[in-house]
Amino acid sequence: MGKANAARHVQRSVALQEYLTPRLWGMAESAPYLHDGRAPSIDYAIAGHDGEGAAARAAFQALPWNDRGYLRVYLMSLRRAPRVMVP
């Protein structure tokens, strides 16, 4: 993620230069994004990738605008299964 994205606070005893990456499942219900919640949207989260994530960011930015939209729709479709509530 690069030095600019270093964590600003310790999360569950994980060092600041390491990241707790949430699963993509449930992404539609989990904004804000990135390891510390500083990205308000998927586009901001992708744009915030650097270091090992720079290639993913560049690939997204190289997509035509319509294809980026398809990817956003797909990512927002990743929802958690509803929980069963027994009265």
PDB file of N, CA and C in Angstrom:
ATOM      1  N   MET A   1       0.820  -1.198   0.000  1.00  0.00           N
ATOM      2  CA  MET A   1       0.000   0.000   0.000  1.00  0.00           C
ATOM      3  C   MET A   1       0.858   1.254   0.000  1.00  0.00           C
ATOM      4  N   GLY A   2       2.120   1.151   0.311  1.00  0.00           N
ATOM      5  CA  GLY A   2       3.010   2.298   0.271  1.00  0.00           C
ATOM      6  C   GLY A   2       3.033   3.105   1.554  1.00  0.00           C
ATOM      7  N   LYS A   3       4.054   3.932   1.700  1.00  0.00           N
ATOM      8  CA  LYS A   3       4.236   4.719   2.925  1.00  0.00           C
ATOM      9  C   LYS A   3       3.095   5.711   3.153  1.00  0.00           C
ATOM     10  N   ALA A   4       2.528   6.263   2.094  1.00  0.00           N
ATOM     11  CA  ALA A   4       1.444   7.236   2.244  1.00  0.00           C
ATOM     12  C   ALA A   4       0.202   6.620   2.878  1.00  0.00           C
ATOM     13  N   ASN A   5       0.086   5.300   2.789  1.00  0.00           N
ATOM     14  CA  ASN A   5      -1.089   4.626   3.327  1.00  0.00           C
ATOM     15  C   ASN A   5      -0.814   3.898   4.634  1.00  0.00           C
ATOM     16  N   ALA A   6       0.275   4.209   5.280  1.00  0.00           N
ATOM     17  CA  ALA A   6       0.565   3.561   6.562  1.00  0.00           C
ATOM     18  C   ALA A   6      -0.598   3.803   7.509  1.00  0.00           C
ATOM     19  N   ALA A   7      -0.902   2.804   8.297  1.00  0.00           N
ATOM     20  CA  ALA A   7      -2.003   2.930   9.257  1.00  0.00           C
ATOM     21  C   ALA A   7      -1.706   4.076  10.219  1.00  0.00           C
ATOM     22  N   ARG A   8      -2.758   4.709  10.660  1.00  0.00           N
ATOM     23  CA  ARG A   8      -2.612   5.838  11.582  1.00  0.00           C
ATOM     24  C   ARG A   8      -2.834   5.427  13.023  1.00  0.00           C
ATOM     25  N   HIS A   9      -3.291   4.214  13.221  1.00  0.00           N
ATOM     26  CA  HIS A   9      -3.503   3.707  14.575  1.00  0.00           C
ATOM     27  C   HIS A   9      -3.365   2.191  14.559  1.00  0.00           C
ATOM     28  N   VAL A  10      -3.024   1.611  15.678  1.00  0.00           N
ATOM     29  CA  VAL A  10      -2.854   0.161  15.796  1.00  0.00           C
ATOM     30  C   VAL A  10      -4.231  -0.497  15.780  1.00  0.00           C
ATOM     31  N   GLN A  11      -4.369  -1.525  14.957  1.00  0.00           N
ATOM     32  CA  GLN A  11      -5.612  -2.276  14.873  1.00  0.00           C
ATOM     33  C   GLN A  11      -5.372  -3.688  15.390  1.00  0.00           C
ATOM     34  N   ARG A  12      -6.006  -4.038  16.459  1.00  0.00           N
ATOM     35  CA  ARG A  12      -5.916  -5.389  17.028  1.00  0.00           C
ATOM     36  C   ARG A  12      -4.470  -5.872  17.134  1.00  0.00           C
ATOM     37  N   SER A  13      -3.603  -5.033  17.610  1.00  0.00           N
ATOM     38  CA  SER A  13      -2.186  -5.347  17.843  1.00  0.00           C
ATOM     39  C   SER A  13      -1.389  -5.596  16.569  1.00  0.00           C
ATOM     40  N   VAL A  14      -1.874  -5.139  15.430  1.00  0.00           N
ATOM     41  CA  VAL A  14      -1.161  -5.292  14.163  1.00  0.00           C
ATOM     42  C   VAL A  14      -0.295  -4.046  13.967  1.00  0.00           C
ATOM     43  N   ALA A  15       0.955  -4.248  13.587  1.00  0.00           N
ATOM     44  CA  ALA A  15       1.891  -3.135  13.398  1.00  0.00           C
ATOM     45  C   ALA A  15       1.371  -2.136  12.369  1.00  0.00           C
ATOM     46  N   LEU A  16       1.767  -0.877  12.500  1.00  0.00           N
ATOM     47  CA  LEU A  16       1.284   0.180  11.613  1.00  0.00           C
ATOM     48  C   LEU A  16       1.620  -0.054  10.146  1.00  0.00           C
ATOM     49  N   GLN A  17       2.720  -0.727   9.857  1.00  0.00           N
ATOM     50  CA  GLN A  17       3.101  -0.958   8.463  1.00  0.00           C
ATOM     51  C   GLN A  17       2.465  -2.219   7.882  1.00  0.00           C
ATOM     52  N   GLU A  18       1.622  -2.897   8.660  1.00  0.00           N
ATOM     53  CA  GLU A  18       0.894  -4.072   8.183  1.00  0.00           C
ATOM     54  C   GLU A  18      -0.589  -3.720   8.127  1.00  0.00           C
ATOM     55  N   TYR A  19      -1.359  -4.520   7.382  1.00  0.00           N
ATOM     56  CA  TYR A  19      -2.753  -4.166   7.156  1.00  0.00           C
ATOM     57  C   TYR A  19      -3.679  -5.335   7.440  1.00  0.00           C
ATOM     58  N   LEU A  20      -4.837  -5.032   7.986  1.00  0.00           N
ATOM     59  CA  LEU A  20      -5.918  -5.999   8.127  1.00  0.00           C
ATOM     60  C   LEU A  20      -6.849  -5.748   6.947  1.00  0.00           C
ATOM     61  N   THR A  21      -6.773  -6.594   5.955  1.00  0.00           N
ATOM     62  CA  THR A  21      -7.576  -6.396   4.756  1.00  0.00           C
ATOM     63  C   THR A  21      -8.894  -7.136   4.888  1.00  0.00           C
ATOM     64  N   PRO A  22     -10.004  -6.405   4.865  1.00  0.00           N
ATOM     65  CA  PRO A  22     -11.294  -7.079   4.970  1.00  0.00           C
ATOM     66  C   PRO A  22     -11.622  -7.856   3.703  1.00  0.00           C
ATOM     67  N   ARG A  23     -12.477  -8.846   3.834  1.00  0.00           N
ATOM     68  CA  ARG A  23     -12.921  -9.619   2.678  1.00  0.00           C
ATOM     69  C   ARG A  23     -13.769  -8.734   1.774  1.00  0.00           C
ATOM     70  N   LEU A  24     -13.826  -9.106   0.496  1.00  0.00           N
ATOM     71  CA  LEU A  24     -14.682  -8.377  -0.434  1.00  0.00           C
ATOM     72  C   LEU A  24     -16.155  -8.714  -0.220  1.00  0.00           C
ATOM     73  N   TRP A  25     -16.451  -9.917   0.313  1.00  0.00           N
ATOM     74  CA  TRP A  25     -17.849 -10.266   0.566  1.00  0.00           C
ATOM     75  C   TRP A  25     -18.422  -9.283   1.571  1.00  0.00           C
ATOM     76  N   GLY A  26     -19.541  -8.725   1.244  1.00  0.00           N
ATOM     77  CA  GLY A  26     -20.162  -7.761   2.120  1.00  0.00           C
ATOM     78  C   GLY A  26     -19.702  -6.341   1.872  1.00  0.00           C
ATOM     79  N   MET A  27     -18.939  -6.160   0.821  1.00  0.00           N
ATOM     80  CA  MET A  27     -18.391  -4.844   0.513  1.00  0.00           C
ATOM     81  C   MET A  27     -19.482  -3.784   0.353  1.00  0.00           C
ATOM     82  N   ALA A  28     -20.618  -4.176  -0.195  1.00  0.00           N
ATOM     83  CA  ALA A  28     -21.709  -3.226  -0.421  1.00  0.00           C
ATOM     84  C   ALA A  28     -22.214  -2.621   0.879  1.00  0.00           C
ATOM     85  N   GLU A  29     -22.057  -3.338   1.982  1.00  0.00           N
ATOM     86  CA  GLU A  29     -22.544  -2.845   3.270  1.00  0.00           C
ATOM     87  C   GLU A  29     -21.421  -2.360   4.182  1.00  0.00           C
ATOM     88  N   SER A  30     -20.202  -2.222   3.658  1.00  0.00           N
ATOM     89  CA  SER A  30     -19.084  -1.995   4.569  1.00  0.00           C
ATOM     90  C   SER A  30     -18.317  -0.686   4.377  1.00  0.00           C
ATOM     91  N   ALA A  31     -18.871   0.272   3.642  1.00  0.00           N
ATOM     92  CA  ALA A  31     -18.158   1.548   3.479  1.00  0.00           C
ATOM     93  C   ALA A  31     -17.984   2.197   4.846  1.00  0.00           C
ATOM     94  N   PRO A  32     -16.965   2.951   5.068  1.00  0.00           N
ATOM     95  CA  PRO A  32     -15.882   3.338   4.175  1.00  0.00           C
ATOM     96  C   PRO A  32     -14.863   2.211   4.010  1.00  0.00           C
ATOM     97  N   TYR A  33     -13.945   2.403   3.065  1.00  0.00           N
ATOM     98  CA  TYR A  33     -13.030   1.350   2.654  1.00  0.00           C
ATOM     99  C   TYR A  33     -11.574   1.651   3.017  1.00  0.00           C
ATOM    100  N   LEU A  34     -10.712   0.778   2.633  1.00  0.00           N
ATOM    101  CA  LEU A  34      -9.285   0.685   2.960  1.00  0.00           C
ATOM    102  C   LEU A  34      -9.130   0.138   4.370  1.00  0.00           C
ATOM    103  N   HIS A  35      -7.929  -0.148   4.739  1.00  0.00           N
ATOM    104  CA  HIS A  35      -7.667  -0.811   6.020  1.00  0.00           C
ATOM    105  C   HIS A  35      -8.075   0.034   7.215  1.00  0.00           C
ATOM    106  N   ASP A  36      -8.145   1.348   7.024  1.00  0.00           N
ATOM    107  CA  ASP A  36      -8.478   2.215   8.155  1.00  0.00           C
ATOM    108  C   ASP A  36      -9.707   3.084   7.898  1.00  0.00           C
ATOM    109  N   GLY A  37     -10.454   2.782   6.835  1.00  0.00           N
ATOM    110  CA  GLY A  37     -11.695   3.486   6.581  1.00  0.00           C
ATOM    111  C   GLY A  37     -11.566   4.883   6.012  1.00  0.00           C
ATOM    112  N   ARG A  38     -10.418   5.222   5.439  1.00  0.00           N
ATOM    113  CA  ARG A  38     -10.259   6.590   4.937  1.00  0.00           C
ATOM    114  C   ARG A  38     -10.781   6.796   3.514  1.00  0.00           C
ATOM    115  N   ALA A  39     -11.225   5.742   2.838  1.00  0.00           N
ATOM    116  CA  ALA A  39     -11.733   5.877   1.469  1.00  0.00           C
ATOM    117  C   ALA A  39     -13.261   5.805   1.471  1.00  0.00           C
ATOM    118  N   PRO A  40     -13.939   6.893   1.086  1.00  0.00           N
ATOM    119  CA  PRO A  40     -15.402   6.900   1.126  1.00  0.00           C
ATOM    120  C   PRO A  40     -16.066   6.090   0.012  1.00  0.00           C
ATOM    121  N   SER A  41     -15.308   5.731  -1.036  1.00  0.00           N
ATOM    122  CA  SER A  41     -15.891   4.982  -2.147  1.00  0.00           C
ATOM    123  C   SER A  41     -14.875   3.975  -2.677  1.00  0.00           C
ATOM    124  N   ILE A  42     -15.371   3.086  -3.529  1.00  0.00           N
ATOM    125  CA  ILE A  42     -14.502   2.083  -4.149  1.00  0.00           C
ATOM    126  C   ILE A  42     -13.414   2.766  -4.978  1.00  0.00           C
ATOM    127  N   ASP A  43     -13.785   3.802  -5.736  1.00  0.00           N
ATOM    128  CA  ASP A  43     -12.799   4.494  -6.559  1.00  0.00           C
ATOM    129  C   ASP A  43     -11.671   5.093  -5.716  1.00  0.00           C
ATOM    130  N   TYR A  44     -12.019   5.701  -4.581  1.00  0.00           N
ATOM    131  CA  TYR A  44     -10.991   6.251  -3.692  1.00  0.00           C
ATOM    132  C   TYR A  44     -10.107   5.137  -3.135  1.00  0.00           C
ATOM    133  N   ALA A  45     -10.713   4.014  -2.810  1.00  0.00           N
ATOM    134  CA  ALA A  45      -9.933   2.895  -2.265  1.00  0.00           C
ATOM    135  C   ALA A  45      -8.942   2.375  -3.295  1.00  0.00           C
ATOM    136  N   ILE A  46      -9.401   2.206  -4.519  1.00  0.00           N
ATOM    137  CA  ILE A  46      -8.503   1.720  -5.570  1.00  0.00           C
ATOM    138  C   ILE A  46      -7.409   2.749  -5.840  1.00  0.00           C
ATOM    139  N   ALA A  47      -7.782   4.016  -5.919  1.00  0.00           N
ATOM    140  CA  ALA A  47      -6.794   5.076  -6.171  1.00  0.00           C
ATOM    141  C   ALA A  47      -5.769   5.166  -5.047  1.00  0.00           C
ATOM    142  N   GLY A  48      -6.132   4.744  -3.849  1.00  0.00           N
ATOM    143  CA  GLY A  48      -5.236   4.811  -2.705  1.00  0.00           C
ATOM    144  C   GLY A  48      -4.215   3.696  -2.642  1.00  0.00           C
ATOM    145  N   HIS A  49      -4.290   2.725  -3.558  1.00  0.00           N
ATOM    146  CA  HIS A  49      -3.323   1.634  -3.546  1.00  0.00           C
ATOM    147  C   HIS A  49      -1.987   2.095  -4.127  1.00  0.00           C
ATOM    148  N   ASP A  50      -0.921   1.737  -3.452  1.00  0.00           N
ATOM    149  CA  ASP A  50       0.432   2.038  -3.896  1.00  0.00           C
ATOM    150  C   ASP A  50       1.289   0.835  -3.509  1.00  0.00           C
ATOM    151  N   GLY A  51       2.571   0.934  -3.621  1.00  0.00           N
ATOM    152  CA  GLY A  51       3.433  -0.188  -3.264  1.00  0.00           C
ATOM    153  C   GLY A  51       3.017  -1.435  -4.030  1.00  0.00           C
ATOM    154  N   GLU A  52       2.760  -2.538  -3.331  1.00  0.00           N
ATOM    155  CA  GLU A  52       2.361  -3.787  -3.987  1.00  0.00           C
ATOM    156  C   GLU A  52       1.017  -3.664  -4.701  1.00  0.00           C
ATOM    157  N   GLY A  53       0.198  -2.707  -4.317  1.00  0.00           N
ATOM    158  CA  GLY A  53      -1.110  -2.516  -4.932  1.00  0.00           C
ATOM    159  C   GLY A  53      -1.108  -1.576  -6.130  1.00  0.00           C
ATOM    160  N   ALA A  54       0.044  -1.027  -6.473  1.00  0.00           N
ATOM    161  CA  ALA A  54       0.121  -0.053  -7.572  1.00  0.00           C
ATOM    162  C   ALA A  54      -0.283  -0.666  -8.907  1.00  0.00           C
ATOM    163  N   ALA A  55       0.052  -1.916  -9.141  1.00  0.00           N
ATOM    164  CA  ALA A  55      -0.302  -2.560 -10.416  1.00  0.00           C
ATOM    165  C   ALA A  55      -1.819  -2.705 -10.542  1.00  0.00           C
ATOM    166  N   ALA A  56      -2.498  -3.030  -9.442  1.00  0.00           N
ATOM    167  CA  ALA A  56      -3.965  -3.143  -9.469  1.00  0.00           C
ATOM    168  C   ALA A  56      -4.587  -1.774  -9.745  1.00  0.00           C
ATOM    169  N   ARG A  57      -4.048  -0.742  -9.111  1.00  0.00           N
ATOM    170  CA  ARG A  57      -4.545   0.618  -9.347  1.00  0.00           C
ATOM    171  C   ARG A  57      -4.368   1.000 -10.811  1.00  0.00           C
ATOM    172  N   ALA A  58      -3.192   0.734 -11.376  1.00  0.00           N
ATOM    173  CA  ALA A  58      -2.917   1.080 -12.775  1.00  0.00           C
ATOM    174  C   ALA A  58      -3.834   0.309 -13.717  1.00  0.00           C
ATOM    175  N   ALA A  59      -4.097  -0.960 -13.422  1.00  0.00           N
ATOM    176  CA  ALA A  59      -4.988  -1.759 -14.272  1.00  0.00           C
ATOM    177  C   ALA A  59      -6.402  -1.189 -14.254  1.00  0.00           C
ATOM    178  N   PHE A  60      -6.882  -0.779 -13.080  1.00  0.00           N
ATOM    179  CA  PHE A  60      -8.212  -0.178 -12.976  1.00  0.00           C
ATOM    180  C   PHE A  60      -8.256   1.137 -13.747  1.00  0.00           C
ATOM    181  N   GLN A  61      -7.248   1.958 -13.593  1.00  0.00           N
ATOM    182  CA  GLN A  61      -7.217   3.262 -14.267  1.00  0.00           C
ATOM    183  C   GLN A  61      -7.093   3.122 -15.779  1.00  0.00           C
ATOM    184  N   ALA A  62      -6.552   1.992 -16.242  1.00  0.00           N
ATOM    185  CA  ALA A  62      -6.415   1.765 -17.680  1.00  0.00           C
ATOM    186  C   ALA A  62      -7.718   1.286 -18.323  1.00  0.00           C
ATOM    187  N   LEU A  63      -8.677   0.874 -17.510  1.00  0.00           N
ATOM    188  CA  LEU A  63      -9.954   0.406 -18.054  1.00  0.00           C
ATOM    189  C   LEU A  63     -10.745   1.572 -18.644  1.00  0.00           C
ATOM    190  N   PRO A  64     -11.495   1.301 -19.722  1.00  0.00           N
ATOM    191  CA  PRO A  64     -12.425   2.331 -20.210  1.00  0.00           C
ATOM    192  C   PRO A  64     -13.465   2.638 -19.126  1.00  0.00           C
ATOM    193  N   TRP A  65     -14.013   3.848 -19.138  1.00  0.00           N
ATOM    194  CA  TRP A  65     -14.951   4.292 -18.109  1.00  0.00           C
ATOM    195  C   TRP A  65     -16.099   3.297 -17.922  1.00  0.00           C
ATOM    196  N   ASN A  66     -16.684   2.786 -19.007  1.00  0.00           N
ATOM    197  CA  ASN A  66     -17.805   1.844 -18.898  1.00  0.00           C
ATOM    198  C   ASN A  66     -17.389   0.556 -18.193  1.00  0.00           C
ATOM    199  N   ASP A  67     -16.200   0.070 -18.490  1.00  0.00           N
ATOM    200  CA  ASP A  67     -15.725  -1.154 -17.846  1.00  0.00           C
ATOM    201  C   ASP A  67     -15.482  -0.944 -16.356  1.00  0.00           C
ATOM    202  N   ARG A  68     -15.037   0.251 -15.987  1.00  0.00           N
ATOM    203  CA  ARG A  68     -14.903   0.558 -14.558  1.00  0.00           C
ATOM    204  C   ARG A  68     -16.266   0.469 -13.886  1.00  0.00           C
ATOM    205  N   GLY A  69     -17.294   0.935 -14.564  1.00  0.00           N
ATOM    206  CA  GLY A  69     -18.649   0.857 -14.036  1.00  0.00           C
ATOM    207  C   GLY A  69     -19.089  -0.574 -13.820  1.00  0.00           C
ATOM    208  N   TYR A  70     -18.782  -1.457 -14.772  1.00  0.00           N
ATOM    209  CA  TYR A  70     -19.135  -2.873 -14.619  1.00  0.00           C
ATOM    210  C   TYR A  70     -18.447  -3.473 -13.396  1.00  0.00           C
ATOM    211  N   LEU A  71     -17.179  -3.100 -13.196  1.00  0.00           N
ATOM    212  CA  LEU A  71     -16.449  -3.605 -12.036  1.00  0.00           C
ATOM    213  C   LEU A  71     -17.066  -3.078 -10.737  1.00  0.00           C
ATOM    214  N   ARG A  72     -17.457  -1.807 -10.711  1.00  0.00           N
ATOM    215  CA  ARG A  72     -18.118  -1.249  -9.520  1.00  0.00           C
ATOM    216  C   ARG A  72     -19.404  -2.003  -9.210  1.00  0.00           C
ATOM    217  N   VAL A  73     -20.209  -2.263 -10.247  1.00  0.00           N
ATOM    218  CA  VAL A  73     -21.469  -2.990 -10.052  1.00  0.00           C
ATOM    219  C   VAL A  73     -21.189  -4.380  -9.500  1.00  0.00           C
ATOM    220  N   TYR A  74     -20.192  -5.061 -10.055  1.00  0.00           N
ATOM    221  CA  TYR A  74     -19.844  -6.398  -9.559  1.00  0.00           C
ATOM    222  C   TYR A  74     -19.424  -6.341  -8.090  1.00  0.00           C
ATOM    223  N   LEU A  75     -18.534  -5.429  -7.763  1.00  0.00           N
ATOM    224  CA  LEU A  75     -18.059  -5.338  -6.382  1.00  0.00           C
ATOM    225  C   LEU A  75     -19.196  -5.022  -5.418  1.00  0.00           C
ATOM    226  N   MET A  76     -20.120  -4.164  -5.830  1.00  0.00           N
ATOM    227  CA  MET A  76     -21.243  -3.821  -4.964  1.00  0.00           C
ATOM    228  C   MET A  76     -22.276  -4.947  -4.878  1.00  0.00           C
ATOM    229  N   SER A  77     -22.153  -5.956  -5.760  1.00  0.00           N
ATOM    230  CA  SER A  77     -23.066  -7.103  -5.680  1.00  0.00           C
ATOM    231  C   SER A  77     -22.592  -8.132  -4.654  1.00  0.00           C
ATOM    232  N   LEU A  78     -21.381  -7.987  -4.163  1.00  0.00           N
ATOM    233  CA  LEU A  78     -20.832  -8.941  -3.208  1.00  0.00           C
ATOM    234  C   LEU A  78     -21.409  -8.667  -1.825  1.00  0.00           C
ATOM    235  N   ARG A  79     -22.515  -9.288  -1.558  1.00  0.00           N
ATOM    236  CA  ARG A  79     -23.221  -9.077  -0.297  1.00  0.00           C
ATOM    237  C   ARG A  79     -23.117 -10.318   0.567  1.00  0.00           C
ATOM    238  N   ARG A  80     -23.216 -10.112   1.846  1.00  0.00           N
ATOM    239  CA  ARG A  80     -23.237 -11.229   2.789  1.00  0.00           C
ATOM    240  C   ARG A  80     -24.602 -11.896   2.714  1.00  0.00           C
ATOM    241  N   ALA A  81     -24.613 -13.181   2.975  1.00  0.00           N
ATOM    242  CA  ALA A  81     -25.883 -13.908   3.020  1.00  0.00           C
ATOM    243  C   ALA A  81     -26.682 -13.377   4.213  1.00  0.00           C
ATOM    244  N   PRO A  82     -27.990 -13.232   4.062  1.00  0.00           N
ATOM    245  CA  PRO A  82     -28.785 -12.746   5.190  1.00  0.00           C
ATOM    246  C   PRO A  82     -28.695 -13.717   6.365  1.00  0.00           C
ATOM    247  N   ARG A  83     -28.712 -13.168   7.541  1.00  0.00           N
ATOM    248  CA  ARG A  83     -28.670 -13.998   8.744  1.00  0.00           C
ATOM    249  C   ARG A  83     -30.061 -14.515   9.057  1.00  0.00           C
ATOM    250  N   VAL A  84     -30.098 -15.728   9.509  1.00  0.00           N
ATOM    251  CA  VAL A  84     -31.376 -16.313   9.894  1.00  0.00           C
ATOM    252  C   VAL A  84     -31.688 -15.893  11.322  1.00  0.00           C
ATOM    253  N   MET A  85     -32.865 -15.332  11.494  1.00  0.00           N
ATOM    254  CA  MET A  85     -33.312 -14.904  12.819  1.00  0.00           C
ATOM    255  C   MET A  85     -34.426 -15.848  13.295  1.00  0.00           C
ATOM    256  N   VAL A  86     -34.198 -16.501  14.387  1.00  0.00           N
ATOM    257  CA  VAL A  86     -35.210 -17.399  14.944  1.00  0.00           C
ATOM    258  C   VAL A  86     -35.888 -16.674  16.095  1.00  0.00           C
ATOM    259  N   PRO A  87     -37.211 -16.454  15.971  1.00  0.00           N
ATOM    260  CA  PRO A  87     -37.907 -15.723  17.041  1.00  0.00           C
ATOM    261  C   PRO A  87     -37.992 -16.526  18.330  1.00  0.00           C
TER     262      PRO A  87
END
